[in-house]
Amino acid sequence: FQVGDRIEVGGHAGDVVDLRIFQFTLLEIGNWVDADQSTGRLVHLPNSLALSTSLANYTRSFAYIWDEIPVVITFESDWEKCKPLLQEIVVRHSQHLSAEAEKGIREASQRFMIFYNHLTPIVYTDVVDIGVRLTLRYLVEPRRRRTVRQEMWEDILRAFAAAPDIDLAYPTTPLRPMCR
């Protein structure tokens, strides 16, 4: 890794901001911040950590990661109407990356055994205990993950507000009258 890479090593994640003979420094992400955004802390780690534990590099060799947004709607909702709405949203926010990602995959596959057949965004359908889960799967640049998720969620909420036959599902507990 080098300065500027986003990595995760030994339970620490962040952007590499300094490399020295005996240590490297991360601008920490995550931890108590509920997303891949900076906490503001600098974490100094010994170089030996990078040699003695697994290391994930978010940005080297392939500049994108897969992300998913699960959206659960009620069983009573029109899921067949909802799925194309979500597909349009995920395509609008991430389709432009597919061509760039395809070039990156070709380059990465020359060094690593990485083969993807489809890099285009997709919406998967599944059933869970409280409703129908429609999962948006898409490529995103690691540093833009939170922003893209927020933009997509805002579009999803607007689309659902305009569709009276689509409702988000959430766990509920039925109340029963007490016996006398």
N, C-alpha and C. Protein backbone atom coordinates (compact mmCIF):
# COMPACT_ATOMS: atom_id res chain seq x y z
N PHE A 1 0.83 -1.18 0.00
CA PHE A 1 0.00 0.00 0.00
C PHE A 1 0.87 1.24 0.00
N GLN A 2 0.26 2.35 -0.31
CA GLN A 2 1.00 3.60 -0.35
C GLN A 2 0.12 4.72 0.19
N VAL A 3 0.70 5.90 0.38
CA VAL A 3 -0.06 7.05 0.86
C VAL A 3 -1.22 7.30 -0.10
N GLY A 4 -2.39 7.49 0.48
CA GLY A 4 -3.60 7.73 -0.31
C GLY A 4 -4.49 6.51 -0.42
N ASP A 5 -3.95 5.31 -0.17
CA ASP A 5 -4.78 4.10 -0.23
C ASP A 5 -5.68 4.02 0.99
N ARG A 6 -6.86 3.45 0.81
CA ARG A 6 -7.76 3.14 1.92
C ARG A 6 -7.57 1.67 2.24
N ILE A 7 -7.18 1.39 3.49
CA ILE A 7 -6.89 0.01 3.87
C ILE A 7 -7.58 -0.34 5.18
N GLU A 8 -7.60 -1.65 5.45
CA GLU A 8 -8.03 -2.18 6.74
C GLU A 8 -7.01 -3.22 7.15
N VAL A 9 -6.46 -3.04 8.36
CA VAL A 9 -5.42 -3.95 8.84
C VAL A 9 -5.52 -4.03 10.36
N GLY A 10 -5.47 -5.25 10.88
CA GLY A 10 -5.47 -5.44 12.33
C GLY A 10 -6.64 -4.77 13.04
N GLY A 11 -7.80 -4.75 12.43
CA GLY A 11 -8.98 -4.14 13.06
C GLY A 11 -9.05 -2.63 12.91
N HIS A 12 -8.10 -2.05 12.21
CA HIS A 12 -8.09 -0.60 11.98
C HIS A 12 -8.34 -0.34 10.50
N ALA A 13 -9.16 0.66 10.20
CA ALA A 13 -9.43 1.03 8.82
C ALA A 13 -9.23 2.52 8.66
N GLY A 14 -8.74 2.89 7.48
CA GLY A 14 -8.55 4.31 7.22
C GLY A 14 -7.76 4.57 5.96
N ASP A 15 -7.48 5.84 5.76
CA ASP A 15 -6.68 6.28 4.63
C ASP A 15 -5.23 6.44 5.07
N VAL A 16 -4.32 5.85 4.32
CA VAL A 16 -2.90 5.95 4.65
C VAL A 16 -2.45 7.38 4.38
N VAL A 17 -1.98 8.05 5.43
CA VAL A 17 -1.56 9.45 5.30
C VAL A 17 -0.06 9.63 5.51
N ASP A 18 0.62 8.57 6.00
CA ASP A 18 2.06 8.69 6.22
C ASP A 18 2.69 7.31 6.27
N LEU A 19 3.86 7.18 5.66
CA LEU A 19 4.65 5.95 5.71
C LEU A 19 6.04 6.30 6.22
N ARG A 20 6.49 5.55 7.23
CA ARG A 20 7.82 5.78 7.80
C ARG A 20 8.57 4.44 7.86
N ILE A 21 9.78 4.50 8.34
CA ILE A 21 10.60 3.28 8.40
C ILE A 21 9.98 2.24 9.33
N PHE A 22 9.49 2.66 10.50
CA PHE A 22 8.98 1.71 11.47
C PHE A 22 7.46 1.72 11.64
N GLN A 23 6.79 2.71 11.07
CA GLN A 23 5.33 2.78 11.26
C GLN A 23 4.66 3.46 10.07
N PHE A 24 3.36 3.26 9.99
CA PHE A 24 2.53 3.98 9.02
C PHE A 24 1.36 4.57 9.79
N THR A 25 0.74 5.59 9.21
CA THR A 25 -0.34 6.31 9.89
C THR A 25 -1.59 6.29 9.04
N LEU A 26 -2.71 5.98 9.73
CA LEU A 26 -4.02 6.00 9.07
C LEU A 26 -4.85 7.15 9.61
N LEU A 27 -5.59 7.81 8.73
CA LEU A 27 -6.66 8.71 9.13
C LEU A 27 -7.87 7.79 9.26
N GLU A 28 -8.24 7.49 10.49
CA GLU A 28 -9.22 6.46 10.81
C GLU A 28 -10.59 6.74 10.19
N ILE A 29 -11.24 5.67 9.71
CA ILE A 29 -12.64 5.73 9.29
C ILE A 29 -13.42 4.72 10.12
N GLY A 30 -14.74 4.91 10.16
CA GLY A 30 -15.59 3.95 10.87
C GLY A 30 -15.55 4.14 12.36
N ASN A 31 -15.29 3.05 13.08
CA ASN A 31 -15.27 3.02 14.53
C ASN A 31 -16.62 3.51 15.07
N TRP A 32 -16.68 4.63 15.77
CA TRP A 32 -17.95 5.11 16.30
C TRP A 32 -18.75 5.90 15.27
N VAL A 33 -18.13 6.24 14.12
CA VAL A 33 -18.84 6.92 13.04
C VAL A 33 -19.51 5.84 12.21
N ASP A 34 -20.80 5.93 12.04
CA ASP A 34 -21.57 4.87 11.41
C ASP A 34 -21.50 4.93 9.88
N ALA A 35 -20.31 4.93 9.36
CA ALA A 35 -20.12 4.91 7.91
C ALA A 35 -18.62 4.90 7.64
N ASP A 36 -18.28 4.86 6.36
CA ASP A 36 -16.87 4.87 5.98
C ASP A 36 -16.36 6.31 5.88
N GLN A 37 -16.55 7.07 6.95
CA GLN A 37 -16.08 8.44 6.98
C GLN A 37 -15.09 8.61 8.12
N SER A 38 -14.30 9.65 8.03
CA SER A 38 -13.22 9.90 8.99
C SER A 38 -13.75 10.19 10.38
N THR A 39 -13.05 9.64 11.38
CA THR A 39 -13.34 9.98 12.77
C THR A 39 -12.54 11.20 13.20
N GLY A 40 -11.51 11.53 12.42
CA GLY A 40 -10.63 12.63 12.78
C GLY A 40 -9.39 12.18 13.53
N ARG A 41 -9.35 10.90 13.92
CA ARG A 41 -8.19 10.40 14.66
C ARG A 41 -7.12 9.88 13.71
N LEU A 42 -5.87 10.09 14.11
CA LEU A 42 -4.74 9.48 13.42
C LEU A 42 -4.34 8.24 14.22
N VAL A 43 -4.19 7.12 13.54
CA VAL A 43 -3.80 5.88 14.18
C VAL A 43 -2.43 5.50 13.64
N HIS A 44 -1.45 5.42 14.54
CA HIS A 44 -0.08 5.06 14.16
C HIS A 44 0.10 3.57 14.42
N LEU A 45 0.49 2.85 13.39
CA LEU A 45 0.61 1.39 13.47
C LEU A 45 2.01 0.96 13.08
N PRO A 46 2.54 -0.05 13.75
CA PRO A 46 3.87 -0.54 13.37
C PRO A 46 3.82 -1.26 12.02
N ASN A 47 4.85 -1.11 11.23
CA ASN A 47 4.91 -1.77 9.93
C ASN A 47 4.78 -3.28 10.06
N SER A 48 5.22 -3.83 11.19
CA SER A 48 5.14 -5.28 11.38
C SER A 48 3.70 -5.78 11.33
N LEU A 49 2.75 -4.92 11.68
CA LEU A 49 1.33 -5.32 11.64
C LEU A 49 0.91 -5.67 10.22
N ALA A 50 1.40 -4.91 9.25
CA ALA A 50 1.05 -5.17 7.86
C ALA A 50 1.65 -6.48 7.35
N LEU A 51 2.66 -6.97 8.05
CA LEU A 51 3.30 -8.22 7.64
C LEU A 51 2.78 -9.43 8.41
N SER A 52 2.11 -9.19 9.54
CA SER A 52 1.72 -10.30 10.40
C SER A 52 0.21 -10.54 10.45
N THR A 53 -0.56 -9.74 9.76
CA THR A 53 -2.02 -9.93 9.78
C THR A 53 -2.57 -9.63 8.39
N SER A 54 -3.83 -9.98 8.19
CA SER A 54 -4.43 -9.75 6.87
C SER A 54 -4.62 -8.25 6.64
N LEU A 55 -4.53 -7.87 5.39
CA LEU A 55 -4.65 -6.48 5.00
C LEU A 55 -5.61 -6.39 3.82
N ALA A 56 -6.61 -5.54 3.91
CA ALA A 56 -7.53 -5.29 2.80
C ALA A 56 -7.25 -3.91 2.25
N ASN A 57 -7.06 -3.84 0.94
CA ASN A 57 -6.82 -2.56 0.29
C ASN A 57 -8.05 -2.25 -0.58
N TYR A 58 -8.73 -1.17 -0.24
CA TYR A 58 -9.96 -0.80 -0.93
C TYR A 58 -9.70 -0.13 -2.27
N THR A 59 -8.53 0.40 -2.48
CA THR A 59 -8.31 1.26 -3.64
C THR A 59 -7.21 0.80 -4.59
N ARG A 60 -6.34 -0.07 -4.16
CA ARG A 60 -5.23 -0.51 -5.02
C ARG A 60 -5.73 -1.59 -5.98
N SER A 61 -5.30 -1.56 -7.20
CA SER A 61 -5.60 -2.54 -8.25
C SER A 61 -7.02 -2.45 -8.79
N PHE A 62 -8.00 -2.19 -7.97
CA PHE A 62 -9.38 -2.04 -8.44
C PHE A 62 -10.03 -0.96 -7.59
N ALA A 63 -10.48 0.10 -8.22
CA ALA A 63 -10.88 1.32 -7.51
C ALA A 63 -12.33 1.33 -7.02
N TYR A 64 -13.01 0.19 -7.10
CA TYR A 64 -14.43 0.15 -6.73
C TYR A 64 -14.70 -1.02 -5.79
N ILE A 65 -15.75 -0.87 -4.99
CA ILE A 65 -16.21 -1.97 -4.15
C ILE A 65 -17.70 -2.17 -4.43
N TRP A 66 -18.18 -3.37 -4.17
CA TRP A 66 -19.60 -3.64 -4.27
C TRP A 66 -20.27 -3.18 -2.99
N ASP A 67 -21.42 -2.57 -3.12
CA ASP A 67 -22.20 -2.19 -1.96
C ASP A 67 -23.63 -2.65 -2.21
N GLU A 68 -24.37 -2.84 -1.15
CA GLU A 68 -25.77 -3.27 -1.25
C GLU A 68 -26.64 -2.46 -0.30
N ILE A 69 -27.83 -2.15 -0.76
CA ILE A 69 -28.83 -1.50 0.07
C ILE A 69 -30.06 -2.40 0.10
N PRO A 70 -30.35 -3.03 1.24
CA PRO A 70 -31.57 -3.83 1.34
C PRO A 70 -32.76 -2.93 1.65
N VAL A 71 -33.81 -3.08 0.88
CA VAL A 71 -35.05 -2.33 1.08
C VAL A 71 -36.15 -3.36 1.29
N VAL A 72 -36.79 -3.33 2.46
CA VAL A 72 -37.84 -4.30 2.76
C VAL A 72 -39.19 -3.60 2.71
N ILE A 73 -40.07 -4.14 1.87
CA ILE A 73 -41.42 -3.60 1.75
C ILE A 73 -42.41 -4.63 2.30
N THR A 74 -43.61 -4.18 2.64
CA THR A 74 -44.61 -5.08 3.21
C THR A 74 -45.06 -6.11 2.18
N PHE A 75 -45.58 -7.21 2.66
CA PHE A 75 -46.12 -8.23 1.76
C PHE A 75 -47.28 -7.69 0.94
N GLU A 76 -48.00 -6.71 1.47
CA GLU A 76 -49.15 -6.13 0.78
C GLU A 76 -48.74 -5.14 -0.31
N SER A 77 -47.49 -4.72 -0.31
CA SER A 77 -47.01 -3.76 -1.31
C SER A 77 -46.90 -4.41 -2.68
N ASP A 78 -46.95 -3.59 -3.71
CA ASP A 78 -46.81 -4.06 -5.09
C ASP A 78 -45.32 -4.17 -5.42
N TRP A 79 -44.73 -5.32 -5.11
CA TRP A 79 -43.29 -5.49 -5.31
C TRP A 79 -42.92 -5.45 -6.79
N GLU A 80 -43.83 -5.88 -7.67
CA GLU A 80 -43.54 -5.86 -9.11
C GLU A 80 -43.50 -4.43 -9.66
N LYS A 81 -44.17 -3.52 -9.01
CA LYS A 81 -44.07 -2.10 -9.36
C LYS A 81 -42.83 -1.48 -8.71
N CYS A 82 -42.50 -1.95 -7.52
CA CYS A 82 -41.39 -1.39 -6.75
C CYS A 82 -40.04 -1.73 -7.37
N LYS A 83 -39.88 -2.95 -7.84
CA LYS A 83 -38.58 -3.39 -8.34
C LYS A 83 -38.06 -2.51 -9.49
N PRO A 84 -38.87 -2.19 -10.50
CA PRO A 84 -38.35 -1.29 -11.55
C PRO A 84 -38.04 0.12 -11.03
N LEU A 85 -38.80 0.60 -10.03
CA LEU A 85 -38.49 1.90 -9.43
C LEU A 85 -37.08 1.89 -8.83
N LEU A 86 -36.79 0.83 -8.09
CA LEU A 86 -35.48 0.70 -7.45
C LEU A 86 -34.39 0.49 -8.50
N GLN A 87 -34.68 -0.28 -9.54
CA GLN A 87 -33.70 -0.51 -10.60
C GLN A 87 -33.34 0.82 -11.28
N GLU A 88 -34.32 1.65 -11.52
CA GLU A 88 -34.06 2.96 -12.15
C GLU A 88 -33.18 3.82 -11.25
N ILE A 89 -33.44 3.78 -9.94
CA ILE A 89 -32.65 4.57 -9.00
C ILE A 89 -31.21 4.09 -8.94
N VAL A 90 -31.00 2.80 -8.81
CA VAL A 90 -29.63 2.27 -8.70
C VAL A 90 -28.86 2.49 -10.00
N VAL A 91 -29.53 2.37 -11.14
CA VAL A 91 -28.86 2.62 -12.42
C VAL A 91 -28.48 4.09 -12.54
N ARG A 92 -29.38 4.98 -12.17
CA ARG A 92 -29.12 6.42 -12.27
C ARG A 92 -27.89 6.82 -11.44
N HIS A 93 -27.73 6.19 -10.29
CA HIS A 93 -26.64 6.58 -9.40
C HIS A 93 -25.33 5.84 -9.64
N SER A 94 -25.35 4.74 -10.38
CA SER A 94 -24.10 3.96 -10.48
C SER A 94 -23.77 3.42 -11.86
N GLN A 95 -24.65 3.51 -12.82
CA GLN A 95 -24.40 2.94 -14.15
C GLN A 95 -23.14 3.53 -14.78
N HIS A 96 -22.89 4.81 -14.54
CA HIS A 96 -21.74 5.47 -15.15
C HIS A 96 -20.41 4.82 -14.74
N LEU A 97 -20.41 4.09 -13.63
CA LEU A 97 -19.17 3.44 -13.17
C LEU A 97 -18.90 2.13 -13.89
N SER A 98 -19.92 1.54 -14.50
CA SER A 98 -19.76 0.21 -15.09
C SER A 98 -18.67 0.16 -16.16
N ALA A 99 -18.64 1.15 -17.05
CA ALA A 99 -17.62 1.16 -18.11
C ALA A 99 -16.23 1.34 -17.51
N GLU A 100 -16.10 2.27 -16.55
CA GLU A 100 -14.82 2.48 -15.90
C GLU A 100 -14.39 1.22 -15.14
N ALA A 101 -15.35 0.61 -14.45
CA ALA A 101 -15.05 -0.59 -13.67
C ALA A 101 -14.65 -1.74 -14.58
N GLU A 102 -15.28 -1.85 -15.73
CA GLU A 102 -14.94 -2.92 -16.66
C GLU A 102 -13.48 -2.81 -17.09
N LYS A 103 -13.04 -1.60 -17.37
CA LYS A 103 -11.63 -1.38 -17.73
C LYS A 103 -10.73 -1.76 -16.54
N GLY A 104 -11.12 -1.34 -15.33
CA GLY A 104 -10.34 -1.67 -14.14
C GLY A 104 -10.27 -3.16 -13.88
N ILE A 105 -11.37 -3.86 -14.11
CA ILE A 105 -11.40 -5.32 -13.93
C ILE A 105 -10.47 -6.00 -14.93
N ARG A 106 -10.49 -5.54 -16.17
CA ARG A 106 -9.60 -6.13 -17.18
C ARG A 106 -8.14 -5.99 -16.73
N GLU A 107 -7.79 -4.80 -16.23
CA GLU A 107 -6.42 -4.58 -15.78
C GLU A 107 -6.10 -5.43 -14.55
N ALA A 108 -7.02 -5.49 -13.60
CA ALA A 108 -6.80 -6.27 -12.37
C ALA A 108 -6.74 -7.76 -12.67
N SER A 109 -7.51 -8.23 -13.64
CA SER A 109 -7.53 -9.66 -13.95
C SER A 109 -6.22 -10.13 -14.57
N GLN A 110 -5.41 -9.20 -15.02
CA GLN A 110 -4.09 -9.58 -15.54
C GLN A 110 -3.14 -9.93 -14.39
N ARG A 111 -3.42 -9.39 -13.19
CA ARG A 111 -2.58 -9.66 -12.02
C ARG A 111 -3.21 -10.65 -11.06
N PHE A 112 -4.55 -10.65 -10.97
CA PHE A 112 -5.27 -11.47 -10.00
C PHE A 112 -6.34 -12.27 -10.72
N MET A 113 -6.79 -13.34 -10.09
CA MET A 113 -7.86 -14.16 -10.65
C MET A 113 -9.21 -13.53 -10.32
N ILE A 114 -9.48 -12.38 -10.92
CA ILE A 114 -10.74 -11.68 -10.70
C ILE A 114 -11.52 -11.71 -12.00
N PHE A 115 -12.69 -12.31 -11.96
CA PHE A 115 -13.53 -12.37 -13.14
C PHE A 115 -14.97 -12.10 -12.74
N TYR A 116 -15.53 -11.02 -13.23
CA TYR A 116 -16.94 -10.72 -13.03
C TYR A 116 -17.62 -10.75 -14.39
N ASN A 117 -18.77 -11.41 -14.45
CA ASN A 117 -19.52 -11.42 -15.70
C ASN A 117 -20.35 -10.16 -15.87
N HIS A 118 -20.86 -9.64 -14.77
CA HIS A 118 -21.74 -8.48 -14.84
C HIS A 118 -21.28 -7.42 -13.84
N LEU A 119 -21.10 -6.22 -14.32
CA LEU A 119 -20.72 -5.12 -13.45
C LEU A 119 -21.83 -4.08 -13.35
N THR A 120 -22.93 -4.35 -14.01
CA THR A 120 -24.04 -3.40 -14.00
C THR A 120 -24.83 -3.54 -12.71
N PRO A 121 -25.44 -2.45 -12.26
CA PRO A 121 -26.25 -2.52 -11.04
C PRO A 121 -27.46 -3.42 -11.23
N ILE A 122 -27.91 -4.02 -10.14
CA ILE A 122 -29.03 -4.97 -10.20
C ILE A 122 -29.84 -4.88 -8.91
N VAL A 123 -31.09 -5.32 -8.99
CA VAL A 123 -31.95 -5.43 -7.82
C VAL A 123 -32.36 -6.89 -7.67
N TYR A 124 -32.02 -7.49 -6.53
CA TYR A 124 -32.37 -8.87 -6.24
C TYR A 124 -33.62 -8.92 -5.39
N THR A 125 -34.42 -9.98 -5.57
CA THR A 125 -35.66 -10.16 -4.81
C THR A 125 -35.51 -11.34 -3.86
N ASP A 126 -36.01 -11.15 -2.64
CA ASP A 126 -35.96 -12.20 -1.63
C ASP A 126 -37.14 -11.97 -0.68
N VAL A 127 -37.51 -13.00 0.06
CA VAL A 127 -38.57 -12.88 1.05
C VAL A 127 -37.96 -13.06 2.43
N VAL A 128 -38.29 -12.15 3.34
CA VAL A 128 -37.84 -12.25 4.73
C VAL A 128 -39.08 -12.27 5.62
N ASP A 129 -38.88 -12.44 6.91
CA ASP A 129 -40.02 -12.64 7.81
C ASP A 129 -41.01 -11.48 7.84
N ILE A 130 -40.58 -10.25 7.55
CA ILE A 130 -41.49 -9.11 7.66
C ILE A 130 -41.94 -8.55 6.31
N GLY A 131 -41.45 -9.13 5.20
CA GLY A 131 -41.88 -8.63 3.90
C GLY A 131 -41.00 -9.10 2.77
N VAL A 132 -41.04 -8.36 1.68
CA VAL A 132 -40.25 -8.65 0.49
C VAL A 132 -39.02 -7.76 0.51
N ARG A 133 -37.84 -8.40 0.46
CA ARG A 133 -36.59 -7.64 0.48
C ARG A 133 -36.10 -7.50 -0.96
N LEU A 134 -35.91 -6.26 -1.37
CA LEU A 134 -35.34 -5.94 -2.67
C LEU A 134 -33.98 -5.31 -2.40
N THR A 135 -32.92 -5.97 -2.86
CA THR A 135 -31.56 -5.53 -2.54
C THR A 135 -30.92 -4.90 -3.77
N LEU A 136 -30.55 -3.63 -3.63
CA LEU A 136 -29.86 -2.92 -4.69
C LEU A 136 -28.37 -3.23 -4.55
N ARG A 137 -27.76 -3.75 -5.61
CA ARG A 137 -26.32 -4.09 -5.61
C ARG A 137 -25.65 -3.27 -6.70
N TYR A 138 -24.57 -2.60 -6.33
CA TYR A 138 -23.95 -1.67 -7.27
C TYR A 138 -22.48 -1.44 -6.91
N LEU A 139 -21.74 -0.96 -7.86
CA LEU A 139 -20.34 -0.59 -7.65
C LEU A 139 -20.27 0.86 -7.21
N VAL A 140 -19.31 1.14 -6.32
CA VAL A 140 -19.14 2.50 -5.83
C VAL A 140 -17.67 2.72 -5.49
N GLU A 141 -17.23 3.95 -5.63
CA GLU A 141 -15.89 4.29 -5.17
C GLU A 141 -15.92 4.29 -3.64
N PRO A 142 -14.95 3.66 -2.98
CA PRO A 142 -15.00 3.51 -1.52
C PRO A 142 -15.22 4.82 -0.76
N ARG A 143 -14.62 5.89 -1.19
CA ARG A 143 -14.76 7.16 -0.46
C ARG A 143 -16.09 7.85 -0.72
N ARG A 144 -16.88 7.36 -1.68
CA ARG A 144 -18.18 7.96 -1.99
C ARG A 144 -19.35 7.10 -1.51
N ARG A 145 -19.05 6.02 -0.82
CA ARG A 145 -20.09 5.07 -0.43
C ARG A 145 -21.22 5.71 0.38
N ARG A 146 -20.89 6.47 1.40
CA ARG A 146 -21.93 7.06 2.24
C ARG A 146 -22.76 8.07 1.47
N THR A 147 -22.12 8.89 0.68
CA THR A 147 -22.84 9.91 -0.10
C THR A 147 -23.79 9.27 -1.10
N VAL A 148 -23.31 8.25 -1.80
CA VAL A 148 -24.16 7.57 -2.79
C VAL A 148 -25.34 6.89 -2.11
N ARG A 149 -25.10 6.24 -0.96
CA ARG A 149 -26.19 5.59 -0.22
C ARG A 149 -27.23 6.62 0.20
N GLN A 150 -26.78 7.76 0.70
CA GLN A 150 -27.72 8.80 1.11
C GLN A 150 -28.56 9.28 -0.08
N GLU A 151 -27.91 9.54 -1.21
CA GLU A 151 -28.62 10.00 -2.39
C GLU A 151 -29.65 8.97 -2.85
N MET A 152 -29.26 7.69 -2.83
CA MET A 152 -30.19 6.64 -3.24
C MET A 152 -31.36 6.54 -2.28
N TRP A 153 -31.08 6.56 -0.96
CA TRP A 153 -32.16 6.46 0.02
C TRP A 153 -33.13 7.62 -0.10
N GLU A 154 -32.64 8.81 -0.35
CA GLU A 154 -33.53 9.95 -0.51
C GLU A 154 -34.43 9.77 -1.73
N ASP A 155 -33.86 9.26 -2.83
CA ASP A 155 -34.67 8.97 -4.02
C ASP A 155 -35.68 7.86 -3.75
N ILE A 156 -35.27 6.85 -2.99
CA ILE A 156 -36.19 5.75 -2.64
C ILE A 156 -37.35 6.29 -1.82
N LEU A 157 -37.06 7.09 -0.81
CA LEU A 157 -38.12 7.64 0.04
C LEU A 157 -39.07 8.53 -0.76
N ARG A 158 -38.54 9.32 -1.70
CA ARG A 158 -39.40 10.15 -2.55
C ARG A 158 -40.29 9.27 -3.44
N ALA A 159 -39.70 8.23 -4.02
CA ALA A 159 -40.47 7.33 -4.90
C ALA A 159 -41.58 6.63 -4.12
N PHE A 160 -41.29 6.18 -2.91
CA PHE A 160 -42.29 5.50 -2.10
C PHE A 160 -43.39 6.46 -1.64
N ALA A 161 -43.03 7.71 -1.36
CA ALA A 161 -44.04 8.69 -0.96
C ALA A 161 -45.03 8.95 -2.09
N ALA A 162 -44.57 8.81 -3.34
CA ALA A 162 -45.43 9.03 -4.49
C ALA A 162 -46.18 7.77 -4.92
N ALA A 163 -45.92 6.65 -4.26
CA ALA A 163 -46.55 5.37 -4.62
C ALA A 163 -47.35 4.85 -3.42
N PRO A 164 -48.64 5.11 -3.39
CA PRO A 164 -49.45 4.69 -2.24
C PRO A 164 -49.55 3.17 -2.05
N ASP A 165 -49.16 2.41 -3.07
CA ASP A 165 -49.25 0.94 -2.96
C ASP A 165 -47.91 0.30 -2.62
N ILE A 166 -46.95 1.11 -2.15
CA ILE A 166 -45.65 0.59 -1.71
C ILE A 166 -45.34 1.18 -0.33
N ASP A 167 -45.12 0.29 0.64
CA ASP A 167 -44.81 0.71 2.01
C ASP A 167 -43.59 -0.03 2.53
N LEU A 168 -42.72 0.69 3.23
CA LEU A 168 -41.59 0.06 3.89
C LEU A 168 -42.12 -0.86 5.00
N ALA A 169 -41.46 -1.99 5.17
CA ALA A 169 -41.84 -2.92 6.23
C ALA A 169 -40.94 -2.69 7.43
N TYR A 170 -41.47 -3.00 8.59
CA TYR A 170 -40.71 -2.90 9.83
C TYR A 170 -41.29 -3.89 10.81
N PRO A 171 -40.48 -4.36 11.74
CA PRO A 171 -40.98 -5.34 12.72
C PRO A 171 -42.07 -4.73 13.59
N THR A 172 -43.11 -5.48 13.83
CA THR A 172 -44.19 -5.03 14.70
C THR A 172 -44.54 -6.13 15.69
N THR A 173 -45.17 -5.74 16.76
CA THR A 173 -45.64 -6.69 17.76
C THR A 173 -47.14 -6.46 17.94
N PRO A 174 -47.94 -7.46 17.61
CA PRO A 174 -49.39 -7.26 17.78
C PRO A 174 -49.77 -7.21 19.25
N LEU A 175 -50.63 -6.30 19.57
CA LEU A 175 -51.15 -6.18 20.94
C LEU A 175 -52.46 -6.94 21.02
N ARG A 176 -52.60 -7.76 22.02
CA ARG A 176 -53.83 -8.54 22.21
C ARG A 176 -54.46 -8.12 23.51
N PRO A 177 -55.77 -8.07 23.53
CA PRO A 177 -56.43 -7.69 24.79
C PRO A 177 -56.13 -8.74 25.86
N MET A 178 -55.98 -8.25 27.07
CA MET A 178 -55.71 -9.15 28.19
C MET A 178 -57.01 -9.88 28.59
N CYS A 179 -56.87 -11.12 28.96
CA CYS A 179 -58.04 -11.91 29.39
C CYS A 179 -58.49 -11.43 30.77
N ARG A 180 -59.79 -11.44 30.99
CA ARG A 180 -60.31 -11.05 32.29
C ARG A 180 -60.73 -12.22 33.09
